[in-house]
Protein backbone atom coordinates (compact mmCIF):
# COMPACT_ATOMS: atom_id res chain seq x y z
CA MET A 1 -73.55 107.70 -34.75
CA GLU A 2 -76.11 105.26 -33.35
CA LYS A 3 -74.54 102.74 -30.96
CA GLU A 4 -76.58 99.77 -29.83
CA LEU A 5 -75.95 96.64 -27.75
CA ILE A 6 -78.06 93.60 -28.55
CA ILE A 7 -77.70 90.88 -25.89
CA SER A 8 -78.97 87.35 -26.46
CA ALA A 9 -78.98 84.95 -23.49
CA GLN A 10 -79.97 81.34 -24.09
CA GLN A 11 -79.04 77.81 -23.01
CA GLY A 12 -76.30 78.84 -20.58
CA SER A 13 -74.47 81.24 -22.90
CA VAL A 14 -74.56 84.96 -23.66
CA GLU A 15 -73.92 86.60 -27.04
CA ILE A 16 -73.34 90.35 -27.17
CA ALA A 17 -73.48 92.27 -30.45
CA LEU A 18 -72.29 95.87 -30.73
CA LEU A 19 -73.88 97.77 -33.62
CA GLU A 20 -72.74 101.14 -34.94
CA ASP A 21 -75.25 102.72 -37.31
CA ARG A 22 -77.00 99.30 -37.46
CA LYS A 23 -73.76 97.66 -38.68
CA LEU A 24 -72.27 94.81 -36.62
CA VAL A 25 -68.76 95.76 -35.42
CA GLU A 26 -68.14 93.53 -32.37
CA LEU A 27 -69.42 90.13 -31.30
CA HIS A 28 -68.67 88.62 -27.90
CA ARG A 29 -69.59 85.18 -26.59
CA GLN A 30 -69.46 83.79 -23.09
CA LYS A 31 -70.43 80.42 -21.66
CA ALA A 32 -71.96 80.39 -18.21
CA ASN A 33 -69.34 77.99 -16.83
CA MET A 34 -66.30 80.12 -17.75
CA GLN A 35 -63.98 80.10 -14.72
CA PHE A 36 -60.83 81.68 -16.18
CA ASN A 37 -61.36 85.17 -17.59
CA VAL A 38 -58.99 87.96 -18.56
CA GLY A 39 -58.55 90.13 -15.46
CA ASP A 40 -59.01 87.36 -12.87
CA ILE A 41 -56.40 87.43 -10.07
CA PHE A 42 -54.92 84.16 -8.77
CA LEU A 43 -52.46 82.83 -6.28
CA GLY A 44 -50.32 80.58 -8.46
CA GLN A 45 -47.27 78.42 -7.99
CA VAL A 46 -44.22 78.28 -10.25
CA LYS A 47 -43.90 74.79 -11.76
CA LYS A 48 -41.09 75.18 -14.28
CA LEU A 49 -38.44 77.74 -15.15
CA MET A 50 -37.52 78.11 -18.83
CA PRO A 51 -34.23 80.07 -18.97
CA GLY A 52 -34.14 79.78 -22.78
CA LEU A 53 -37.49 81.61 -22.99
CA ASN A 54 -36.71 83.78 -19.95
CA ALA A 55 -40.08 82.73 -18.59
CA ALA A 56 -41.81 80.49 -16.06
CA PHE A 57 -44.81 78.17 -16.22
CA VAL A 58 -47.28 78.76 -13.39
CA ASP A 59 -50.09 76.56 -12.06
CA ILE A 60 -53.31 78.55 -11.50
CA GLY A 61 -55.63 75.55 -11.50
CA HIS A 62 -56.23 75.33 -15.25
CA ARG A 63 -55.54 72.06 -17.09
CA LYS A 64 -52.74 73.86 -18.97
CA GLU A 65 -49.94 75.58 -17.09
CA SER A 66 -49.94 79.34 -17.66
CA PHE A 67 -47.08 81.34 -19.16
CA LEU A 68 -45.33 84.16 -17.27
CA HIS A 69 -42.60 85.99 -19.20
CA TYR A 70 -39.93 88.05 -17.44
CA THR A 71 -41.16 91.27 -19.08
CA ASP A 72 -44.68 90.62 -17.72
CA MET A 73 -43.41 90.36 -14.14
CA GLY A 74 -43.06 94.14 -14.11
CA PRO A 75 -40.42 96.29 -12.42
CA LEU A 76 -42.30 96.08 -9.10
CA PHE A 77 -42.15 92.27 -8.91
CA ASN A 78 -40.05 92.25 -5.70
CA SER A 79 -42.79 94.16 -3.87
CA ASN A 80 -45.41 91.76 -5.24
CA LEU A 81 -43.41 88.71 -4.10
CA LYS A 82 -42.68 90.06 -0.59
CA TYR A 83 -46.32 91.08 -0.08
CA THR A 84 -47.58 87.67 -1.26
CA ASN A 85 -45.34 85.74 1.12
CA GLU A 86 -46.07 87.97 4.13
CA ALA A 87 -49.83 88.05 3.50
CA MET A 88 -50.00 84.25 3.17
CA GLU A 89 -47.95 83.76 6.36
CA GLY A 90 -49.96 86.36 8.26
CA SER A 91 -46.95 88.53 9.14
CA TYR A 92 -48.41 91.50 7.23
CA THR A 93 -51.91 92.03 8.61
CA SER A 94 -52.86 95.49 7.34
CA PRO A 95 -55.34 95.27 4.45
CA LEU A 96 -53.81 98.40 2.86
CA LEU A 97 -50.24 99.17 1.79
CA ASP A 98 -49.56 102.30 3.84
CA GLN A 99 -47.23 100.34 6.17
CA PHE A 100 -45.73 98.13 3.47
CA PRO A 101 -42.12 98.96 2.48
CA LEU A 102 -41.83 99.02 -1.30
CA GLN A 103 -38.93 96.95 -2.63
CA PRO A 104 -36.27 97.90 -5.24
CA GLU A 105 -37.25 97.37 -8.87
CA ILE A 106 -35.98 94.31 -10.73
CA PRO A 107 -33.48 94.82 -13.61
CA LYS A 108 -35.15 95.59 -16.93
CA ASN A 109 -33.05 93.02 -18.80
CA GLY A 110 -32.65 90.49 -16.00
CA LYS A 111 -33.09 86.71 -16.01
CA VAL A 112 -36.07 84.83 -14.63
CA SER A 113 -33.81 82.31 -12.90
CA GLN A 114 -32.26 85.12 -10.84
CA ILE A 115 -35.50 86.15 -9.14
CA LEU A 116 -37.75 83.06 -9.22
CA GLU A 117 -37.49 79.47 -8.03
CA ARG A 118 -39.67 76.41 -8.49
CA ARG A 119 -42.60 76.14 -6.08
CA THR A 120 -42.54 79.90 -5.43
CA ASN A 121 -46.04 81.30 -4.78
CA VAL A 122 -46.84 84.37 -6.90
CA LEU A 123 -49.75 86.78 -7.20
CA VAL A 124 -50.71 86.86 -10.88
CA GLN A 125 -53.44 88.18 -13.16
CA ILE A 126 -54.66 86.71 -16.45
CA LEU A 127 -53.43 88.90 -19.29
CA LYS A 128 -54.56 86.83 -22.30
CA GLU A 129 -56.84 83.85 -22.84
CA PRO A 130 -55.41 80.55 -24.14
CA ILE A 131 -54.63 80.74 -27.85
CA SER A 132 -54.13 77.62 -29.98
CA THR A 133 -52.03 75.15 -27.93
CA LYS A 134 -50.83 77.80 -25.46
CA GLY A 135 -52.16 78.32 -21.96
CA HIS A 136 -53.13 81.61 -20.33
CA ARG A 137 -50.59 84.42 -20.40
CA LEU A 138 -50.05 86.00 -16.99
CA THR A 139 -48.78 89.26 -15.56
CA CYS A 140 -47.61 90.23 -12.07
CA GLU A 141 -48.52 93.89 -12.64
CA ILE A 142 -51.86 93.68 -10.87
CA THR A 143 -54.68 96.05 -11.85
CA ILE A 144 -58.17 96.37 -10.39
CA PRO A 145 -60.35 98.23 -12.91
CA GLY A 146 -63.41 100.35 -12.33
CA ARG A 147 -65.52 102.49 -14.61
CA PHE A 148 -63.51 105.70 -14.09
CA LEU A 149 -60.28 104.52 -12.49
CA VAL A 150 -57.86 101.58 -12.37
CA LEU A 151 -56.11 100.74 -9.09
CA THR A 152 -52.46 99.59 -9.41
CA PRO A 153 -50.81 98.42 -6.14
CA PHE A 154 -47.11 98.79 -5.18
CA ASN A 155 -46.50 102.19 -6.78
CA ASN A 156 -47.40 105.85 -6.35
CA THR A 157 -47.87 106.98 -9.95
CA ILE A 158 -50.89 108.70 -11.47
CA ALA A 159 -51.50 108.20 -15.20
CA ILE A 160 -54.24 109.97 -17.15
CA SER A 161 -55.77 108.70 -20.39
CA LYS A 162 -54.27 110.32 -23.49
CA LYS A 163 -57.79 110.70 -24.87
CA ILE A 164 -58.40 113.43 -22.29
CA ALA A 165 -56.78 116.20 -24.31
CA ASN A 166 -57.74 119.33 -22.35
CA SER A 167 -54.73 120.37 -20.23
CA ASP A 168 -56.86 122.10 -17.56
CA GLU A 169 -58.97 118.96 -17.13
CA ARG A 170 -55.85 116.79 -16.93
CA ASN A 171 -54.42 119.04 -14.19
CA ARG A 172 -57.74 119.02 -12.31
CA LEU A 173 -57.93 115.23 -12.40
CA PHE A 174 -54.28 114.83 -11.37
CA HIS A 175 -54.62 117.03 -8.28
CA LEU A 176 -58.02 115.53 -7.43
CA ILE A 177 -56.68 111.95 -7.52
CA GLU A 178 -53.49 112.92 -5.68
CA SER A 179 -55.59 114.22 -2.79
CA ILE A 180 -57.65 111.01 -2.35
CA ARG A 181 -55.23 108.29 -3.51
CA PRO A 182 -54.29 105.71 -0.82
CA LYS A 183 -50.57 105.41 -0.10
CA ASN A 184 -48.59 102.94 -2.26
CA PHE A 185 -51.45 102.57 -4.73
CA GLY A 186 -51.12 104.02 -8.21
CA ILE A 187 -54.13 105.21 -10.18
CA VAL A 188 -54.86 105.15 -13.91
CA VAL A 189 -57.56 107.68 -14.84
CA ARG A 190 -59.78 106.39 -17.65
CA THR A 191 -61.39 108.50 -20.36
CA ALA A 192 -64.83 108.11 -18.72
CA ALA A 193 -63.56 110.12 -15.71
CA GLU A 194 -63.50 113.36 -17.71
CA GLY A 195 -65.69 115.94 -16.00
CA LYS A 196 -66.51 113.73 -12.99
CA LYS A 197 -66.71 115.19 -9.49
CA VAL A 198 -64.55 114.32 -6.49
CA ALA A 199 -67.40 112.46 -4.75
CA GLU A 200 -67.78 110.03 -7.68
CA MET A 201 -64.02 109.44 -7.83
CA HIS A 202 -63.75 108.93 -4.08
CA GLU A 203 -66.64 106.45 -4.11
CA GLU A 204 -64.99 104.41 -6.85
CA ILE A 205 -61.58 104.39 -5.14
CA ASN A 206 -63.26 103.08 -1.98
CA SER A 207 -64.97 100.36 -4.02
CA LEU A 208 -61.68 99.28 -5.63
CA VAL A 209 -59.88 99.33 -2.28
CA GLU A 210 -62.58 97.06 -0.83
CA LYS A 211 -61.74 94.53 -3.56
CA TRP A 212 -58.09 94.71 -2.54
CA LYS A 213 -59.02 94.19 1.12
CA SER A 214 -61.02 91.10 0.13
CA LEU A 215 -58.00 89.81 -1.82
CA HIS A 216 -55.76 90.35 1.24
CA GLN A 217 -58.11 88.43 3.54
CA GLN A 218 -58.29 85.46 1.18
CA MET A 219 -54.50 85.22 0.88
CA PHE A 220 -53.96 84.29 4.56
CA LYS A 221 -53.23 80.54 4.70
CA SER A 222 -54.78 80.15 1.25
CA LYS A 223 -54.26 76.85 -0.57
CA VAL A 224 -52.45 77.35 -3.87
CA PRO A 225 -53.69 77.58 -6.62
CA ALA A 226 -56.63 79.81 -5.74
CA LYS A 227 -58.75 82.46 -7.44
CA LEU A 228 -58.81 85.62 -5.33
CA VAL A 229 -60.63 88.20 -7.46
CA SER A 230 -62.96 87.41 -10.32
CA GLU A 231 -63.32 89.88 -13.16
CA LEU A 232 -66.88 90.80 -14.04
CA ASP A 233 -68.65 88.48 -16.42
CA LYS A 234 -68.39 89.37 -20.09
CA THR A 235 -71.70 91.24 -20.18
CA SER A 236 -70.94 93.40 -17.14
CA SER A 237 -67.34 94.14 -18.16
CA ILE A 238 -68.42 95.20 -21.66
CA ILE A 239 -71.09 97.45 -20.17
CA ARG A 240 -68.47 98.96 -17.83
CA ASP A 241 -65.83 99.49 -20.53
CA LEU A 242 -68.02 100.42 -23.48
CA LEU A 243 -70.98 102.26 -22.12
CA ASN A 244 -70.92 106.03 -22.50
CA PRO A 245 -73.47 108.77 -23.18
CA SER A 246 -73.24 108.12 -26.94
CA PHE A 247 -75.15 104.82 -26.65
CA THR A 248 -78.69 105.04 -27.94
CA ARG A 249 -80.16 101.62 -27.11
CA ILE A 250 -79.51 98.37 -25.21
CA VAL A 251 -81.86 95.47 -25.90
CA VAL A 252 -81.67 92.23 -23.92
CA ASN A 253 -83.91 89.15 -23.91
CA ASP A 254 -83.07 87.98 -20.37
CA LYS A 255 -84.90 89.50 -17.39
CA ASP A 256 -82.02 89.09 -14.89
CA ILE A 257 -79.45 90.69 -17.22
CA TYR A 258 -81.96 93.43 -18.03
CA GLU A 259 -82.42 94.25 -14.33
CA GLY A 260 -78.65 94.20 -13.73
CA ILE A 261 -78.00 96.64 -16.58
CA ARG A 262 -80.89 98.87 -15.50
CA VAL A 263 -79.52 99.11 -11.95
CA TYR A 264 -76.01 99.78 -13.28
CA LEU A 265 -77.31 102.62 -15.46
CA GLU A 266 -79.36 104.00 -12.57
CA ASN A 267 -76.22 104.19 -10.41
CA ASN A 268 -73.70 105.34 -13.03
CA LEU A 269 -75.55 106.97 -15.94
CA PRO A 270 -79.03 107.85 -14.63
CA GLU A 271 -79.76 109.99 -17.68
CA LYS A 272 -79.39 106.84 -19.84
CA GLU A 273 -81.60 104.52 -17.76
CA GLY A 274 -84.33 104.67 -20.39
CA ILE A 275 -82.19 103.20 -23.21
CA VAL A 276 -82.32 99.62 -21.88
CA GLN A 277 -85.23 97.50 -23.13
CA HIS A 278 -86.40 94.00 -22.23
CA TYR A 279 -87.14 92.15 -25.48
CA ARG A 280 -90.14 89.79 -25.32
CA GLY A 281 -90.79 89.21 -29.02
CA ALA A 282 -91.55 85.80 -30.55
CA LYS A 283 -88.66 85.94 -33.03
CA PRO A 284 -85.10 85.31 -31.76
CA ILE A 285 -83.61 88.68 -30.75
CA PHE A 286 -80.67 88.40 -33.21
CA ASP A 287 -83.11 87.76 -36.06
CA GLN A 288 -85.31 90.68 -35.04
CA PHE A 289 -82.40 93.14 -35.17
CA ASN A 290 -80.73 91.66 -38.27
CA VAL A 291 -77.68 90.50 -36.30
CA ARG A 292 -77.81 86.85 -37.36
CA ARG A 293 -77.89 87.81 -41.03
CA GLN A 294 -74.84 90.07 -40.58
CA ILE A 295 -72.95 87.31 -38.74
CA LYS A 296 -73.52 84.89 -41.61
CA SER A 297 -72.51 87.46 -44.22
CA SER A 298 -69.44 88.77 -42.35
CA PHE A 299 -67.51 85.59 -41.59
CA GLY A 300 -65.68 83.43 -44.08
CA ASN A 301 -62.63 84.03 -46.27
CA THR A 302 -64.26 86.67 -48.47
CA ALA A 303 -66.16 89.86 -47.63
CA THR A 304 -67.90 91.70 -50.47
CA LEU A 305 -68.15 95.51 -50.48
CA PRO A 306 -71.13 97.57 -51.75
CA SER A 307 -69.17 98.70 -54.86
CA GLY A 308 -68.59 95.09 -55.95
CA ALA A 309 -65.00 95.02 -54.74
CA TYR A 310 -64.07 92.39 -52.17
CA ILE A 311 -61.41 91.48 -49.64
CA VAL A 312 -59.92 88.03 -49.01
CA ILE A 313 -58.76 87.20 -45.48
CA GLU A 314 -56.24 84.40 -44.97
CA HIS A 315 -54.70 83.22 -41.70
CA THR A 316 -51.29 81.70 -41.06
CA GLU A 317 -49.52 80.74 -37.83
CA ALA A 318 -47.41 83.91 -37.92
CA MET A 319 -49.74 86.55 -39.37
CA HIS A 320 -53.01 87.44 -41.07
CA VAL A 321 -52.97 88.47 -44.73
CA ILE A 322 -55.71 90.54 -46.37
CA ASP A 323 -55.92 91.07 -50.13
CA VAL A 324 -58.03 93.84 -51.67
CA ASN A 325 -59.56 93.22 -55.13
CA SER A 326 -61.51 95.67 -57.28
CA GLY A 327 -63.94 93.00 -58.49
CA PRO A 328 -65.60 92.50 -61.88
CA LYS A 329 -68.00 95.44 -61.52
CA SER A 330 -65.28 98.10 -61.54
CA GLN A 331 -65.60 99.85 -64.94
CA ARG A 332 -64.05 103.22 -64.14
CA THR A 333 -61.61 104.57 -66.70
CA ASP A 334 -59.52 106.61 -64.24
CA GLN A 335 -57.54 103.83 -62.60
CA GLU A 336 -55.93 105.98 -59.88
CA ASN A 337 -59.24 107.45 -58.67
CA ALA A 338 -60.87 104.03 -58.82
CA ALA A 339 -58.03 102.54 -56.77
CA ILE A 340 -58.22 105.13 -53.96
CA GLN A 341 -62.02 104.81 -53.73
CA VAL A 342 -61.91 101.01 -53.55
CA ASN A 343 -58.99 101.08 -51.10
CA LYS A 344 -60.77 103.49 -48.73
CA GLU A 345 -63.94 101.41 -48.89
CA ALA A 346 -61.88 98.28 -48.18
CA ALA A 347 -60.04 100.00 -45.30
CA GLU A 348 -63.34 100.74 -43.56
CA GLU A 349 -64.46 97.12 -43.93
CA ILE A 350 -61.06 95.80 -42.78
CA ALA A 351 -61.22 97.95 -39.62
CA ARG A 352 -64.67 96.47 -38.92
CA GLN A 353 -63.49 92.91 -39.58
CA LEU A 354 -60.52 93.27 -37.20
CA ARG A 355 -62.87 94.27 -34.39
CA LEU A 356 -65.58 91.79 -35.30
CA ARG A 357 -63.29 88.75 -35.50
CA ASP A 358 -60.94 90.09 -32.80
CA ILE A 359 -57.96 89.47 -35.07
CA GLY A 360 -54.65 90.13 -33.28
CA GLY A 361 -50.93 89.94 -33.97
CA LEU A 362 -49.41 91.00 -37.28
CA ILE A 363 -51.78 91.91 -40.13
CA ILE A 364 -50.52 92.56 -43.68
CA ILE A 365 -52.86 94.29 -46.14
CA ASP A 366 -52.23 94.25 -49.88
CA PHE A 367 -54.16 97.23 -51.21
CA ILE A 368 -54.66 97.97 -54.89
CA ASP A 369 -51.52 99.67 -56.24
CA MET A 370 -51.53 103.46 -56.34
CA LYS A 371 -48.90 105.78 -57.83
CA SER A 372 -49.82 109.04 -56.11
CA ASN A 373 -48.09 109.72 -52.79
CA GLU A 374 -51.02 111.96 -51.83
CA ASN A 375 -53.44 109.05 -52.30
CA LYS A 376 -51.19 106.78 -50.23
CA ALA A 377 -51.13 109.33 -47.41
CA GLU A 378 -54.91 109.75 -47.71
CA LEU A 379 -55.43 105.98 -47.38
CA TYR A 380 -53.11 105.81 -44.35
CA ASN A 381 -55.00 108.63 -42.61
CA ALA A 382 -58.34 107.03 -43.51
CA MET A 383 -57.27 103.73 -41.94
CA LYS A 384 -56.23 105.52 -38.73
CA THR A 385 -59.64 107.23 -38.64
CA TYR A 386 -61.53 103.95 -39.17
CA MET A 387 -59.52 102.29 -36.38
CA GLN A 388 -60.18 105.05 -33.82
CA ASN A 389 -63.09 103.18 -32.23
CA ASP A 390 -61.02 99.99 -31.78
CA ARG A 391 -60.41 99.53 -28.03
CA SER A 392 -57.50 97.11 -28.56
CA GLN A 393 -54.06 98.69 -28.72
CA HIS A 394 -52.84 98.85 -32.30
CA THR A 395 -50.12 100.37 -34.47
CA ILE A 396 -50.56 101.24 -38.15
CA LEU A 397 -47.63 101.81 -40.49
CA PRO A 398 -47.85 103.78 -43.77
CA LEU A 399 -47.84 101.91 -47.08
CA SER A 400 -44.49 100.39 -47.93
CA LYS A 401 -42.88 100.78 -51.35
CA PHE A 402 -44.48 97.44 -52.25
CA GLY A 403 -47.95 98.85 -51.51
CA LEU A 404 -48.39 96.84 -48.29
CA MET A 405 -49.78 98.20 -45.04
CA GLN A 406 -48.70 96.62 -41.75
CA ILE A 407 -50.85 96.67 -38.62
CA THR A 408 -50.14 95.16 -35.22
CA ARG A 409 -53.14 94.68 -32.94
CA GLN A 410 -53.18 93.52 -29.34
CA ARG A 411 -54.25 89.90 -28.97
CA GLU A 412 -56.07 89.08 -25.70
CA ARG A 413 -58.15 86.09 -26.66
CA GLN A 414 -58.64 83.46 -29.33
CA GLU A 415 -59.74 84.90 -32.64
CA LEU A 416 -63.49 84.56 -33.13
CA LYS A 417 -64.19 82.08 -35.92
CA ILE A 418 -67.67 81.22 -37.10
CA ASP A 419 -68.15 78.62 -39.80
CA THR A 420 -70.99 79.97 -41.92
CA SER A 421 -71.08 76.97 -44.25
CA GLU A 422 -73.70 74.34 -43.43
CA VAL A 423 -74.06 70.65 -44.10
CA CYS A 424 -77.23 70.24 -46.13
CA PRO A 425 -79.95 69.61 -43.51
CA CYS A 426 -82.14 67.85 -46.05
CA CYS A 427 -79.74 65.19 -47.28
CA SER A 428 -76.93 65.31 -44.65
CA GLY A 429 -74.44 65.36 -47.49
CA SER A 430 -75.84 62.36 -49.37
CA GLY A 431 -77.26 64.40 -52.23
CA LYS A 432 -80.74 62.85 -51.96
CA VAL A 433 -83.81 63.98 -50.02
CA SER A 434 -87.31 62.77 -49.37
CA ALA A 435 -89.94 64.30 -51.61
CA THR A 436 -90.65 67.81 -50.30
CA ILE A 437 -94.34 67.35 -51.09
CA PHE A 438 -94.54 65.20 -47.97
CA VAL A 439 -93.12 67.83 -45.58
CA VAL A 440 -96.50 69.24 -44.53
CA GLU A 441 -97.98 65.74 -44.42
CA GLU A 442 -95.25 64.62 -41.98
CA LEU A 443 -95.71 67.81 -39.97
CA GLU A 444 -99.44 67.11 -39.57
CA LYS A 445 -98.74 63.53 -38.47
CA SER A 446 -96.41 64.91 -35.79
CA LEU A 447 -99.08 67.43 -34.77
CA ASP A 448 -101.59 64.58 -34.33
CA PHE A 449 -99.09 62.75 -32.14
CA VAL A 450 -98.33 65.82 -30.00
CA LEU A 451 -102.01 66.65 -29.44
CA SER A 452 -102.82 63.05 -28.56
CA THR A 453 -100.14 63.05 -25.85
CA ARG A 454 -100.58 66.67 -24.68
CA PRO A 455 -104.17 67.66 -25.44
CA THR A 456 -104.15 70.69 -23.09
CA ALA A 457 -100.77 72.13 -24.04
CA ARG A 458 -100.46 75.56 -25.70
CA LEU A 459 -98.47 74.74 -28.81
CA THR A 460 -96.03 76.77 -30.89
CA LEU A 461 -94.70 75.41 -34.18
CA GLU A 462 -91.24 76.66 -35.17
CA VAL A 463 -90.36 76.45 -38.87
CA HIS A 464 -88.25 78.13 -41.53
CA PRO A 465 -89.74 81.45 -42.81
CA PHE A 466 -90.38 79.88 -46.25
CA VAL A 467 -92.44 77.10 -44.70
CA ALA A 468 -94.22 79.58 -42.42
CA SER A 469 -95.24 81.66 -45.43
CA TYR A 470 -96.58 78.55 -47.16
CA LEU A 471 -98.56 77.44 -44.11
CA LYS A 472 -100.15 80.87 -43.53
CA ARG A 473 -101.05 81.73 -47.13
CA GLY A 474 -104.68 82.41 -48.01
CA LEU A 475 -107.86 82.56 -45.93
CA ARG A 476 -108.06 78.79 -45.51
CA ASN A 477 -104.49 78.54 -44.27
CA TYR A 478 -103.19 75.67 -42.18
CA PRO A 479 -103.56 77.29 -38.73
CA VAL A 480 -107.24 77.93 -39.53
CA ARG A 481 -107.70 74.35 -40.78
CA TRP A 482 -106.05 72.99 -37.65
CA PHE A 483 -108.25 75.16 -35.45
CA MET A 484 -111.39 73.81 -37.19
CA LYS A 485 -110.10 70.25 -36.78
CA TYR A 486 -108.67 70.32 -33.22
CA MET A 487 -110.44 73.41 -31.76
CA LYS A 488 -106.99 74.63 -30.72
CA TRP A 489 -104.93 77.48 -32.17
CA ILE A 490 -101.37 76.55 -33.16
CA ASN A 491 -98.96 79.51 -33.11
CA ILE A 492 -96.37 79.56 -35.89
CA ARG A 493 -92.94 81.03 -35.15
CA GLU A 494 -90.31 81.75 -37.81
CA ASN A 495 -86.65 80.84 -37.33
CA ALA A 496 -84.21 81.61 -40.16
CA ASP A 497 -81.68 79.17 -38.66
CA MET A 498 -84.13 76.28 -38.98
CA PRO A 499 -83.52 73.94 -41.96
CA VAL A 500 -86.32 74.15 -44.54
CA VAL A 501 -87.59 70.59 -44.03
CA ARG A 502 -87.28 70.56 -40.23
CA TYR A 503 -89.74 71.74 -37.59
CA LYS A 504 -90.07 71.84 -33.81
CA PHE A 505 -92.98 72.01 -31.37
CA PHE A 506 -92.83 74.00 -28.12
CA ASP A 507 -95.21 74.01 -25.15
CA GLY A 508 -96.55 77.00 -23.22
CA THR A 509 -93.33 77.38 -21.21
CA ASP A 510 -91.31 77.42 -24.46
CA GLY A 511 -89.86 74.00 -23.72
CA GLU A 512 -89.21 71.88 -26.80
CA ILE A 513 -91.44 68.85 -27.20
CA ARG A 514 -89.33 65.90 -28.27
CA LEU A 515 -91.04 63.87 -30.98
CA LYS A 516 -91.00 60.10 -30.56
CA GLY A 517 -92.06 57.52 -33.09
């Protein structure tokens, strides 16, 4: 399987597309000014206790108070609370936990009012981004993740990824980590650690411990609320969590991000350093690699399958409902075989859509009815196979007697929604446009204006591909005519997102020239 990352950085935001066999399966977006990310660690203060919800609302500096449920405090909450108070007061000065006495665990079914009070300072970590009208969801079970390991303070447990199946390797990793683990720090061994040597593990543990030391230093006399540890930006965290030897290419259009990824690969996967490329093409990077087209065809209520069948995705406050339809092209006489083929095709697309849109919560799928229990089992196993590459925790139940499949999928952030419908750029919804015969005439008037105000500028004209084809047709095409008239070559750049009757001029530094008059 070919796995590619296409990274587009522009105008203060970064878009990251993950392609598997050239098919878009994940899309991530990040604005440059994001200050509250999943994984960030804060010193917060309890503002309200909600006994009815068995939860507390905590101020971490966001405009909305964040939500901390009793079950997210974790059994080790007493240790967390004692450490926070002593570190802020300065009575516990050691940056590590080897001298810190671990506290008794809190009751599993206890009440928030029994262990928390208003204005209590707590060490928390963002578990989920704000969704709808809700604020961030927090946890007190702090984790500091690395590429191979995850550091978990206030316990002495070692957990190894279930995806590492070899028992000898699991034993090797367990004894290796036990020998280098700092006291009162637990370790979660990630799948990427399989086969790694002790030196690499020790280096990463030291790196994670340094983050904890930095957190400890900032806590002393810190003003609440305060951010103590910032999770990596979206690009870096995806590279850390996703990247493995199976990746075949990473293409990025930003020089700084390109250098950062190249250095990361050089330090962590030197054999893969050559897969990262700096894109310098004239076309937008998402257009060049067919990402923009897939985005526009993948979002919306309906997704059409190659066989002519289609799925309809509807969203409610409580759940997501997906209906599978065979479509008008299905002419097969054997209804049972037709149903299993369409259902398996739909299952593959549904698995892709869940990852692409980052749909979480409860998902109900209404597949085409099948009578055979063997076919139902085959569909269930197929869905589990298609969902194997999904990094979010999920549970899939077999088809019910009503032919419905239920899936629960971990929700960490707001579902990605992209409105692919467009207001008509020609008429702005009025239903009337200027005569299209005048488009080129207006373009040439604008060109005259630009050249009269910037006679020495290197110009690039950005237009829709249809208009570009019209302008460049034949030997006496418009760029040649303009060169004969102005003695200056005008570059033409295609942009599929550009409305047909619109155009833009850019100077030599790729800055847009605003047209006046």
